[in-house]
PDB file of N, CA and C in Angstrom:
ATOM      1  N   MET A   1      19.080  -0.931 -30.108  1.00  0.00           N
ATOM      2  CA  MET A   1      17.455  -1.006 -30.386  1.00  0.00           C
ATOM      3  C   MET A   1      16.735  -1.607 -29.302  1.00  0.00           C
ATOM      4  N   TYR A   2      15.599  -1.226 -28.699  1.00  0.00           N
ATOM      5  CA  TYR A   2      14.808  -1.843 -27.676  1.00  0.00           C
ATOM      6  C   TYR A   2      13.568  -2.183 -28.402  1.00  0.00           C
ATOM      7  N   THR A   3      12.815  -3.038 -27.727  1.00  0.00           N
ATOM      8  CA  THR A   3      11.274  -3.509 -28.144  1.00  0.00           C
ATOM      9  C   THR A   3      10.723  -3.776 -26.806  1.00  0.00           C
ATOM     10  N   LEU A   4       9.427  -3.261 -26.915  1.00  0.00           N
ATOM     11  CA  LEU A   4       8.582  -3.652 -25.911  1.00  0.00           C
ATOM     12  C   LEU A   4       7.754  -4.883 -26.364  1.00  0.00           C
ATOM     13  N   ARG A   5       7.748  -5.922 -25.690  1.00  0.00           N
ATOM     14  CA  ARG A   5       7.001  -7.043 -25.928  1.00  0.00           C
ATOM     15  C   ARG A   5       5.832  -7.193 -25.163  1.00  0.00           C
ATOM     16  N   ILE A   6       4.596  -7.400 -25.468  1.00  0.00           N
ATOM     17  CA  ILE A   6       3.628  -7.650 -24.748  1.00  0.00           C
ATOM     18  C   ILE A   6       2.908  -9.026 -24.807  1.00  0.00           C
ATOM     19  N   ILE A   7       2.812  -9.737 -23.941  1.00  0.00           N
ATOM     20  CA  ILE A   7       1.993 -10.923 -24.188  1.00  0.00           C
ATOM     21  C   ILE A   7       0.655 -10.767 -23.415  1.00  0.00           C
ATOM     22  N   GLU A   8      -0.348 -11.055 -24.070  1.00  0.00           N
ATOM     23  CA  GLU A   8      -1.820 -10.899 -23.635  1.00  0.00           C
ATOM     24  C   GLU A   8      -2.471 -12.125 -23.649  1.00  0.00           C
ATOM     25  N   GLU A   9      -2.856 -12.464 -22.322  1.00  0.00           N
ATOM     26  CA  GLU A   9      -3.730 -13.853 -22.072  1.00  0.00           C
ATOM     27  C   GLU A   9      -5.242 -13.394 -21.725  1.00  0.00           C
ATOM     28  N   VAL A  10      -6.008 -14.176 -22.533  1.00  0.00           N
ATOM     29  CA  VAL A  10      -7.430 -13.856 -22.422  1.00  0.00           C
ATOM     30  C   VAL A  10      -8.108 -15.280 -22.133  1.00  0.00           C
ATOM     31  N   ARG A  11      -9.135 -15.310 -21.378  1.00  0.00           N
ATOM     32  CA  ARG A  11     -10.108 -16.301 -20.998  1.00  0.00           C
ATOM     33  C   ARG A  11     -11.483 -15.863 -21.197  1.00  0.00           C
ATOM     34  N   GLU A  12     -12.459 -17.009 -21.536  1.00  0.00           N
ATOM     35  CA  GLU A  12     -13.699 -16.608 -21.458  1.00  0.00           C
ATOM     36  C   GLU A  12     -14.333 -16.171 -19.904  1.00  0.00           C
ATOM     37  N   ASP A  13     -13.814 -17.316 -19.050  1.00  0.00           N
ATOM     38  CA  ASP A  13     -14.403 -16.987 -17.595  1.00  0.00           C
ATOM     39  C   ASP A  13     -13.348 -17.697 -16.933  1.00  0.00           C
ATOM     40  N   GLU A  14     -13.625 -17.701 -15.724  1.00  0.00           N
ATOM     41  CA  GLU A  14     -12.531 -18.371 -14.595  1.00  0.00           C
ATOM     42  C   GLU A  14     -12.319 -19.921 -14.766  1.00  0.00           C
ATOM     43  N   LYS A  15     -13.183 -20.620 -15.487  1.00  0.00           N
ATOM     44  CA  LYS A  15     -13.043 -21.830 -15.552  1.00  0.00           C
ATOM     45  C   LYS A  15     -12.296 -22.285 -16.847  1.00  0.00           C
ATOM     46  N   SER A  16     -12.456 -21.489 -17.886  1.00  0.00           N
ATOM     47  CA  SER A  16     -11.537 -21.632 -19.135  1.00  0.00           C
ATOM     48  C   SER A  16     -10.094 -21.389 -19.378  1.00  0.00           C
ATOM     49  N   PRO A  17      -9.463 -21.965 -20.067  1.00  0.00           N
ATOM     50  CA  PRO A  17      -7.980 -21.819 -20.160  1.00  0.00           C
ATOM     51  C   PRO A  17      -7.707 -20.437 -20.755  1.00  0.00           C
ATOM     52  N   PHE A  18      -6.602 -19.940 -20.499  1.00  0.00           N
ATOM     53  CA  PHE A  18      -6.085 -18.854 -21.131  1.00  0.00           C
ATOM     54  C   PHE A  18      -5.350 -18.988 -22.550  1.00  0.00           C
ATOM     55  N   THR A  19      -5.907 -18.226 -23.371  1.00  0.00           N
ATOM     56  CA  THR A  19      -5.100 -18.272 -24.926  1.00  0.00           C
ATOM     57  C   THR A  19      -4.429 -16.900 -24.876  1.00  0.00           C
ATOM     58  N   SER A  20      -3.146 -17.050 -25.561  1.00  0.00           N
ATOM     59  CA  SER A  20      -2.307 -15.863 -25.576  1.00  0.00           C
ATOM     60  C   SER A  20      -1.820 -15.456 -26.938  1.00  0.00           C
ATOM     61  N   SER A  21      -1.638 -14.087 -26.963  1.00  0.00           N
ATOM     62  CA  SER A  21      -1.084 -13.530 -28.252  1.00  0.00           C
ATOM     63  C   SER A  21       0.279 -12.782 -27.915  1.00  0.00           C
ATOM     64  N   ARG A  22       0.860 -12.267 -28.780  1.00  0.00           N
ATOM     65  CA  ARG A  22       2.185 -11.652 -28.589  1.00  0.00           C
ATOM     66  C   ARG A  22       2.035 -10.270 -29.464  1.00  0.00           C
ATOM     67  N   LEU A  23       2.604  -9.332 -29.135  1.00  0.00           N
ATOM     68  CA  LEU A  23       2.746  -8.112 -29.756  1.00  0.00           C
ATOM     69  C   LEU A  23       4.209  -7.611 -29.400  1.00  0.00           C
ATOM     70  N   ASN A  24       4.928  -7.095 -30.571  1.00  0.00           N
ATOM     71  CA  ASN A  24       6.133  -6.445 -30.292  1.00  0.00           C
ATOM     72  C   ASN A  24       6.164  -5.086 -30.873  1.00  0.00           C
ATOM     73  N   ILE A  25       6.697  -3.908 -29.849  1.00  0.00           N
ATOM     74  CA  ILE A  25       6.589  -2.528 -30.570  1.00  0.00           C
ATOM     75  C   ILE A  25       8.060  -2.023 -30.308  1.00  0.00           C
ATOM     76  N   GLU A  26       8.417  -1.579 -31.371  1.00  0.00           N
ATOM     77  CA  GLU A  26       9.712  -0.794 -31.509  1.00  0.00           C
ATOM     78  C   GLU A  26       9.893   0.285 -30.772  1.00  0.00           C
ATOM     79  N   LEU A  27      10.915   0.377 -29.780  1.00  0.00           N
ATOM     80  CA  LEU A  27      10.791   1.429 -28.868  1.00  0.00           C
ATOM     81  C   LEU A  27      12.040   2.392 -29.423  1.00  0.00           C
ATOM     82  N   GLY A  28      13.015   1.994 -30.150  1.00  0.00           N
ATOM     83  CA  GLY A  28      14.170   2.796 -30.629  1.00  0.00           C
ATOM     84  C   GLY A  28      15.265   2.523 -29.738  1.00  0.00           C
ATOM     85  N   LYS A  29      16.112   3.577 -29.738  1.00  0.00           N
ATOM     86  CA  LYS A  29      17.263   3.374 -29.125  1.00  0.00           C
ATOM     87  C   LYS A  29      17.363   3.759 -27.516  1.00  0.00           C
ATOM     88  N   SER A  30      16.135   4.379 -27.154  1.00  0.00           N
ATOM     89  CA  SER A  30      15.933   4.694 -25.655  1.00  0.00           C
ATOM     90  C   SER A  30      14.686   4.626 -25.281  1.00  0.00           C
ATOM     91  N   TYR A  31      14.395   4.691 -24.139  1.00  0.00           N
ATOM     92  CA  TYR A  31      12.890   4.742 -23.599  1.00  0.00           C
ATOM     93  C   TYR A  31      12.963   5.065 -22.302  1.00  0.00           C
ATOM     94  N   ARG A  32      11.752   5.414 -21.670  1.00  0.00           N
ATOM     95  CA  ARG A  32      11.548   5.822 -20.296  1.00  0.00           C
ATOM     96  C   ARG A  32      10.279   5.221 -19.691  1.00  0.00           C
ATOM     97  N   VAL A  33      10.594   4.477 -18.479  1.00  0.00           N
ATOM     98  CA  VAL A  33       9.334   3.966 -17.934  1.00  0.00           C
ATOM     99  C   VAL A  33       8.831   5.059 -16.584  1.00  0.00           C
ATOM    100  N   LEU A  34       7.730   5.330 -16.699  1.00  0.00           N
ATOM    101  CA  LEU A  34       7.080   6.235 -15.697  1.00  0.00           C
ATOM    102  C   LEU A  34       5.925   5.353 -15.086  1.00  0.00           C
ATOM    103  N   THR A  35       5.974   5.483 -13.768  1.00  0.00           N
ATOM    104  CA  THR A  35       4.973   4.733 -12.773  1.00  0.00           C
ATOM    105  C   THR A  35       4.314   5.691 -12.033  1.00  0.00           C
ATOM    106  N   PRO A  36       3.357   5.451 -11.332  1.00  0.00           N
ATOM    107  CA  PRO A  36       2.583   6.536 -10.281  1.00  0.00           C
ATOM    108  C   PRO A  36       3.752   7.343  -9.405  1.00  0.00           C
ATOM    109  N   GLU A  37       4.949   6.384  -8.983  1.00  0.00           N
ATOM    110  CA  GLU A  37       5.694   7.121  -8.050  1.00  0.00           C
ATOM    111  C   GLU A  37       6.477   8.042  -8.785  1.00  0.00           C
ATOM    112  N   SER A  38       6.576   8.104 -10.311  1.00  0.00           N
ATOM    113  CA  SER A  38       7.210   9.116 -10.884  1.00  0.00           C
ATOM    114  C   SER A  38       6.555  10.639 -10.795  1.00  0.00           C
ATOM    115  N   GLY A  39       5.463  10.586 -10.193  1.00  0.00           N
ATOM    116  CA  GLY A  39       4.665  11.854  -9.908  1.00  0.00           C
ATOM    117  C   GLY A  39       3.941  12.365 -11.001  1.00  0.00           C
ATOM    118  N   SER A  40       4.298  13.688 -11.308  1.00  0.00           N
ATOM    119  CA  SER A  40       3.592  14.605 -12.309  1.00  0.00           C
ATOM    120  C   SER A  40       3.875  14.136 -13.545  1.00  0.00           C
ATOM    121  N   ASP A  41       5.141  13.633 -13.909  1.00  0.00           N
ATOM    122  CA  ASP A  41       5.410  13.007 -15.325  1.00  0.00           C
ATOM    123  C   ASP A  41       4.503  12.017 -15.804  1.00  0.00           C
ATOM    124  N   PHE A  42       4.222  10.862 -14.875  1.00  0.00           N
ATOM    125  CA  PHE A  42       3.436  10.001 -15.193  1.00  0.00           C
ATOM    126  C   PHE A  42       1.865  10.645 -15.368  1.00  0.00           C
ATOM    127  N   PHE A  43       1.400  11.148 -14.315  1.00  0.00           N
ATOM    128  CA  PHE A  43       0.154  11.609 -14.419  1.00  0.00           C
ATOM    129  C   PHE A  43      -0.342  12.589 -15.681  1.00  0.00           C
ATOM    130  N   GLY A  44       0.664  13.338 -15.926  1.00  0.00           N
ATOM    131  CA  GLY A  44       0.739  14.362 -17.043  1.00  0.00           C
ATOM    132  C   GLY A  44       0.453  13.437 -18.448  1.00  0.00           C
ATOM    133  N   HIS A  45       0.874  12.146 -18.529  1.00  0.00           N
ATOM    134  CA  HIS A  45       0.650  11.276 -19.590  1.00  0.00           C
ATOM    135  C   HIS A  45      -0.690  10.536 -19.583  1.00  0.00           C
ATOM    136  N   ILE A  46      -1.436  10.449 -18.574  1.00  0.00           N
ATOM    137  CA  ILE A  46      -2.493   9.948 -18.505  1.00  0.00           C
ATOM    138  C   ILE A  46      -3.711  10.721 -18.165  1.00  0.00           C
ATOM    139  N   SER A  47      -3.546  11.951 -17.823  1.00  0.00           N
ATOM    140  CA  SER A  47      -4.642  12.846 -17.471  1.00  0.00           C
ATOM    141  C   SER A  47      -5.824  12.952 -18.560  1.00  0.00           C
ATOM    142  N   HIS A  48      -5.612  12.718 -19.672  1.00  0.00           N
ATOM    143  CA  HIS A  48      -6.547  12.710 -20.751  1.00  0.00           C
ATOM    144  C   HIS A  48      -7.475  11.574 -20.727  1.00  0.00           C
ATOM    145  N   LEU A  49      -7.115  10.571 -20.152  1.00  0.00           N
ATOM    146  CA  LEU A  49      -7.819   9.366 -19.995  1.00  0.00           C
ATOM    147  C   LEU A  49      -9.055   9.576 -19.051  1.00  0.00           C
ATOM    148  N   PRO A  50     -10.098   8.706 -19.245  1.00  0.00           N
ATOM    149  CA  PRO A  50     -11.092   8.532 -18.265  1.00  0.00           C
ATOM    150  C   PRO A  50     -10.553   8.009 -16.980  1.00  0.00           C
ATOM    151  N   GLU A  51     -11.137   8.339 -15.837  1.00  0.00           N
ATOM    152  CA  GLU A  51     -10.633   8.083 -14.540  1.00  0.00           C
ATOM    153  C   GLU A  51     -10.583   6.493 -14.378  1.00  0.00           C
ATOM    154  N   HIS A  52     -11.629   5.632 -14.845  1.00  0.00           N
ATOM    155  CA  HIS A  52     -11.296   4.389 -14.787  1.00  0.00           C
ATOM    156  C   HIS A  52      -9.968   3.740 -15.369  1.00  0.00           C
ATOM    157  N   GLU A  53      -9.652   4.354 -16.622  1.00  0.00           N
ATOM    158  CA  GLU A  53      -8.420   3.939 -17.133  1.00  0.00           C
ATOM    159  C   GLU A  53      -7.290   4.545 -16.641  1.00  0.00           C
ATOM    160  N   GLN A  54      -7.258   5.740 -15.921  1.00  0.00           N
ATOM    161  CA  GLN A  54      -6.094   6.087 -15.274  1.00  0.00           C
ATOM    162  C   GLN A  54      -5.876   5.136 -14.010  1.00  0.00           C
ATOM    163  N   LYS A  55      -6.896   4.858 -13.384  1.00  0.00           N
ATOM    164  CA  LYS A  55      -6.669   3.922 -12.260  1.00  0.00           C
ATOM    165  C   LYS A  55      -6.129   2.536 -12.732  1.00  0.00           C
ATOM    166  N   ASN A  56      -6.527   2.015 -13.789  1.00  0.00           N
ATOM    167  CA  ASN A  56      -5.971   0.897 -14.246  1.00  0.00           C
ATOM    168  C   ASN A  56      -4.590   0.811 -15.064  1.00  0.00           C
ATOM    169  N   THR A  57      -4.013   1.894 -14.980  1.00  0.00           N
ATOM    170  CA  THR A  57      -2.611   2.041 -15.815  1.00  0.00           C
ATOM    171  C   THR A  57      -1.567   1.578 -14.686  1.00  0.00           C
ATOM    172  N   LEU A  58      -0.919   0.690 -15.041  1.00  0.00           N
ATOM    173  CA  LEU A  58       0.472   0.181 -14.243  1.00  0.00           C
ATOM    174  C   LEU A  58       1.450   1.315 -14.520  1.00  0.00           C
ATOM    175  N   ALA A  59       1.841   1.410 -15.632  1.00  0.00           N
ATOM    176  CA  ALA A  59       2.991   2.446 -16.053  1.00  0.00           C
ATOM    177  C   ALA A  59       2.828   2.810 -17.548  1.00  0.00           C
ATOM    178  N   VAL A  60       3.483   3.741 -17.945  1.00  0.00           N
ATOM    179  CA  VAL A  60       3.657   4.219 -19.308  1.00  0.00           C
ATOM    180  C   VAL A  60       5.117   4.108 -19.703  1.00  0.00           C
ATOM    181  N   ILE A  61       5.269   3.803 -21.009  1.00  0.00           N
ATOM    182  CA  ILE A  61       6.616   3.913 -21.601  1.00  0.00           C
ATOM    183  C   ILE A  61       6.553   4.969 -22.804  1.00  0.00           C
ATOM    184  N   ILE A  62       7.639   5.597 -22.750  1.00  0.00           N
ATOM    185  CA  ILE A  62       7.784   6.977 -23.650  1.00  0.00           C
ATOM    186  C   ILE A  62       8.992   6.245 -24.554  1.00  0.00           C
ATOM    187  N   ASP A  63       8.727   5.912 -25.851  1.00  0.00           N
ATOM    188  CA  ASP A  63       9.813   5.615 -26.550  1.00  0.00           C
ATOM    189  C   ASP A  63      10.669   6.635 -27.107  1.00  0.00           C
ATOM    190  N   ASN A  64      11.845   6.243 -27.909  1.00  0.00           N
ATOM    191  CA  ASN A  64      12.682   7.028 -28.540  1.00  0.00           C
ATOM    192  C   ASN A  64      12.063   8.247 -29.631  1.00  0.00           C
ATOM    193  N   TYR A  65      10.797   7.685 -29.959  1.00  0.00           N
ATOM    194  CA  TYR A  65      10.035   8.649 -31.072  1.00  0.00           C
ATOM    195  C   TYR A  65       8.911   9.365 -30.162  1.00  0.00           C
ATOM    196  N   GLY A  66       8.997   9.402 -29.005  1.00  0.00           N
ATOM    197  CA  GLY A  66       7.961  10.437 -28.271  1.00  0.00           C
ATOM    198  C   GLY A  66       6.480   9.791 -28.125  1.00  0.00           C
ATOM    199  N   GLU A  67       6.460   8.300 -28.557  1.00  0.00           N
ATOM    200  CA  GLU A  67       5.146   7.716 -28.400  1.00  0.00           C
ATOM    201  C   GLU A  67       4.990   7.221 -27.100  1.00  0.00           C
ATOM    202  N   VAL A  68       3.723   7.284 -26.575  1.00  0.00           N
ATOM    203  CA  VAL A  68       3.358   6.877 -25.114  1.00  0.00           C
ATOM    204  C   VAL A  68       2.729   5.467 -25.194  1.00  0.00           C
ATOM    205  N   HIS A  69       3.195   4.631 -24.602  1.00  0.00           N
ATOM    206  CA  HIS A  69       2.567   3.152 -24.456  1.00  0.00           C
ATOM    207  C   HIS A  69       2.004   2.922 -23.167  1.00  0.00           C
ATOM    208  N   ARG A  70       0.726   2.639 -22.992  1.00  0.00           N
ATOM    209  CA  ARG A  70       0.200   2.465 -21.364  1.00  0.00           C
ATOM    210  C   ARG A  70       0.178   0.944 -21.289  1.00  0.00           C
ATOM    211  N   LEU A  71       0.728   0.631 -19.896  1.00  0.00           N
ATOM    212  CA  LEU A  71       0.778  -0.586 -19.496  1.00  0.00           C
ATOM    213  C   LEU A  71      -0.389  -0.755 -18.649  1.00  0.00           C
ATOM    214  N   ILE A  72      -1.233  -1.778 -18.763  1.00  0.00           N
ATOM    215  CA  ILE A  72      -2.377  -2.100 -18.131  1.00  0.00           C
ATOM    216  C   ILE A  72      -2.418  -3.222 -17.215  1.00  0.00           C
ATOM    217  N   ASN A  73      -2.964  -2.909 -15.788  1.00  0.00           N
ATOM    218  CA  ASN A  73      -3.073  -3.973 -14.746  1.00  0.00           C
ATOM    219  C   ASN A  73      -3.678  -5.014 -15.143  1.00  0.00           C
ATOM    220  N   ASN A  74      -3.667  -6.163 -14.554  1.00  0.00           N
ATOM    221  CA  ASN A  74      -4.383  -7.577 -15.072  1.00  0.00           C
ATOM    222  C   ASN A  74      -5.755  -7.486 -14.446  1.00  0.00           C
ATOM    223  N   THR A  75      -6.612  -8.088 -15.125  1.00  0.00           N
ATOM    224  CA  THR A  75      -7.977  -8.416 -14.344  1.00  0.00           C
ATOM    225  C   THR A  75      -8.317  -9.864 -14.296  1.00  0.00           C
ATOM    226  N   LEU A  76      -9.275 -10.320 -13.979  1.00  0.00           N
ATOM    227  CA  LEU A  76      -9.515 -11.710 -13.480  1.00  0.00           C
ATOM    228  C   LEU A  76      -9.519 -12.606 -14.983  1.00  0.00           C
ATOM    229  N   ASN A  77      -9.814 -11.908 -16.044  1.00  0.00           N
ATOM    230  CA  ASN A  77      -9.948 -12.964 -17.331  1.00  0.00           C
ATOM    231  C   ASN A  77      -8.955 -12.370 -18.350  1.00  0.00           C
ATOM    232  N   LEU A  78      -8.185 -11.185 -18.044  1.00  0.00           N
ATOM    233  CA  LEU A  78      -7.575 -10.687 -18.964  1.00  0.00           C
ATOM    234  C   LEU A  78      -6.130 -10.274 -18.114  1.00  0.00           C
ATOM    235  N   ARG A  79      -4.928 -11.024 -18.702  1.00  0.00           N
ATOM    236  CA  ARG A  79      -3.776 -10.254 -18.007  1.00  0.00           C
ATOM    237  C   ARG A  79      -2.850 -10.028 -19.046  1.00  0.00           C
ATOM    238  N   TRP A  80      -1.756  -9.376 -18.662  1.00  0.00           N
ATOM    239  CA  TRP A  80      -0.874  -8.973 -19.763  1.00  0.00           C
ATOM    240  C   TRP A  80       0.637  -9.170 -19.006  1.00  0.00           C
ATOM    241  N   ASN A  81       1.694  -9.484 -19.840  1.00  0.00           N
ATOM    242  CA  ASN A  81       3.059  -9.620 -19.207  1.00  0.00           C
ATOM    243  C   ASN A  81       3.904  -8.727 -20.326  1.00  0.00           C
ATOM    244  N   TYR A  82       4.889  -7.778 -19.785  1.00  0.00           N
ATOM    245  CA  TYR A  82       5.444  -6.764 -20.262  1.00  0.00           C
ATOM    246  C   TYR A  82       6.948  -7.091 -20.183  1.00  0.00           C
ATOM    247  N   PHE A  83       7.682  -6.956 -21.409  1.00  0.00           N
ATOM    248  CA  PHE A  83       9.069  -7.340 -21.447  1.00  0.00           C
ATOM    249  C   PHE A  83       9.638  -6.144 -22.318  1.00  0.00           C
ATOM    250  N   ILE A  84      10.798  -5.746 -21.697  1.00  0.00           N
ATOM    251  CA  ILE A  84      11.681  -4.952 -22.690  1.00  0.00           C
ATOM    252  C   ILE A  84      12.794  -5.868 -23.129  1.00  0.00           C
ATOM    253  N   MET A  85      12.857  -5.888 -24.572  1.00  0.00           N
ATOM    254  CA  MET A  85      13.850  -6.829 -25.266  1.00  0.00           C
ATOM    255  C   MET A  85      15.003  -6.010 -25.862  1.00  0.00           C
ATOM    256  N   THR A  86      16.102  -6.607 -25.809  1.00  0.00           N
ATOM    257  CA  THR A  86      17.218  -5.685 -26.876  1.00  0.00           C
ATOM    258  C   THR A  86      17.179  -6.291 -28.163  1.00  0.00           C
ATOM    259  N   ASP A  87      18.063  -5.683 -29.198  1.00  0.00           N
ATOM    260  CA  ASP A  87      18.098  -6.123 -30.489  1.00  0.00           C
ATOM    261  C   ASP A  87      18.554  -7.717 -30.687  1.00  0.00           C
ATOM    262  N   THR A  88      19.111  -8.268 -29.856  1.00  0.00           N
ATOM    263  CA  THR A  88      19.539  -9.498 -29.874  1.00  0.00           C
ATOM    264  C   THR A  88      18.329 -10.437 -29.471  1.00  0.00           C
ATOM    265  N   GLY A  89      17.412 -10.031 -29.063  1.00  0.00           N
ATOM    266  CA  GLY A  89      16.196 -10.856 -28.371  1.00  0.00           C
ATOM    267  C   GLY A  89      16.273 -11.422 -26.987  1.00  0.00           C
ATOM    268  N   SER A  90      17.286 -10.648 -26.288  1.00  0.00           N
ATOM    269  CA  SER A  90      17.475 -11.119 -25.015  1.00  0.00           C
ATOM    270  C   SER A  90      16.331 -10.201 -24.123  1.00  0.00           C
ATOM    271  N   THR A  91      16.027 -10.686 -22.936  1.00  0.00           N
ATOM    272  CA  THR A  91      15.101  -9.838 -21.947  1.00  0.00           C
ATOM    273  C   THR A  91      15.819  -9.104 -21.284  1.00  0.00           C
ATOM    274  N   LEU A  92      15.845  -7.798 -21.228  1.00  0.00           N
ATOM    275  CA  LEU A  92      16.470  -6.641 -20.511  1.00  0.00           C
ATOM    276  C   LEU A  92      15.766  -6.644 -19.268  1.00  0.00           C
ATOM    277  N   GLU A  93      14.549  -6.471 -19.430  1.00  0.00           N
ATOM    278  CA  GLU A  93      13.727  -6.060 -18.109  1.00  0.00           C
ATOM    279  C   GLU A  93      12.373  -6.666 -18.268  1.00  0.00           C
ATOM    280  N   ARG A  94      11.575  -7.073 -16.965  1.00  0.00           N
ATOM    281  CA  ARG A  94      10.383  -7.521 -16.953  1.00  0.00           C
ATOM    282  C   ARG A  94       9.637  -6.338 -16.223  1.00  0.00           C
ATOM    283  N   LEU A  95       8.587  -5.871 -16.709  1.00  0.00           N
ATOM    284  CA  LEU A  95       7.810  -4.718 -16.175  1.00  0.00           C
ATOM    285  C   LEU A  95       6.565  -5.201 -15.490  1.00  0.00           C
TER     286      LEU A  95
END
């Protein structure tokens, strides 16, 4: 089983420290990572989004259940770290 771990870091402004929160999403027994280099598969999964959200999409992950999870590019005061974890808690992949 695989888990997508998302660590979100937020701050008020450039001078403020980041605070972080963690979210774990079960991906199931398999998953696929699609990036813009994946071509039509990637764009097919984000085409329904507004243009600014499409441009801000780093990748999408499709889990074993068919759910699509969008990975977002970092901004000045909001950043994300994405990891694929195994069922033993080990990091398999950093995205």
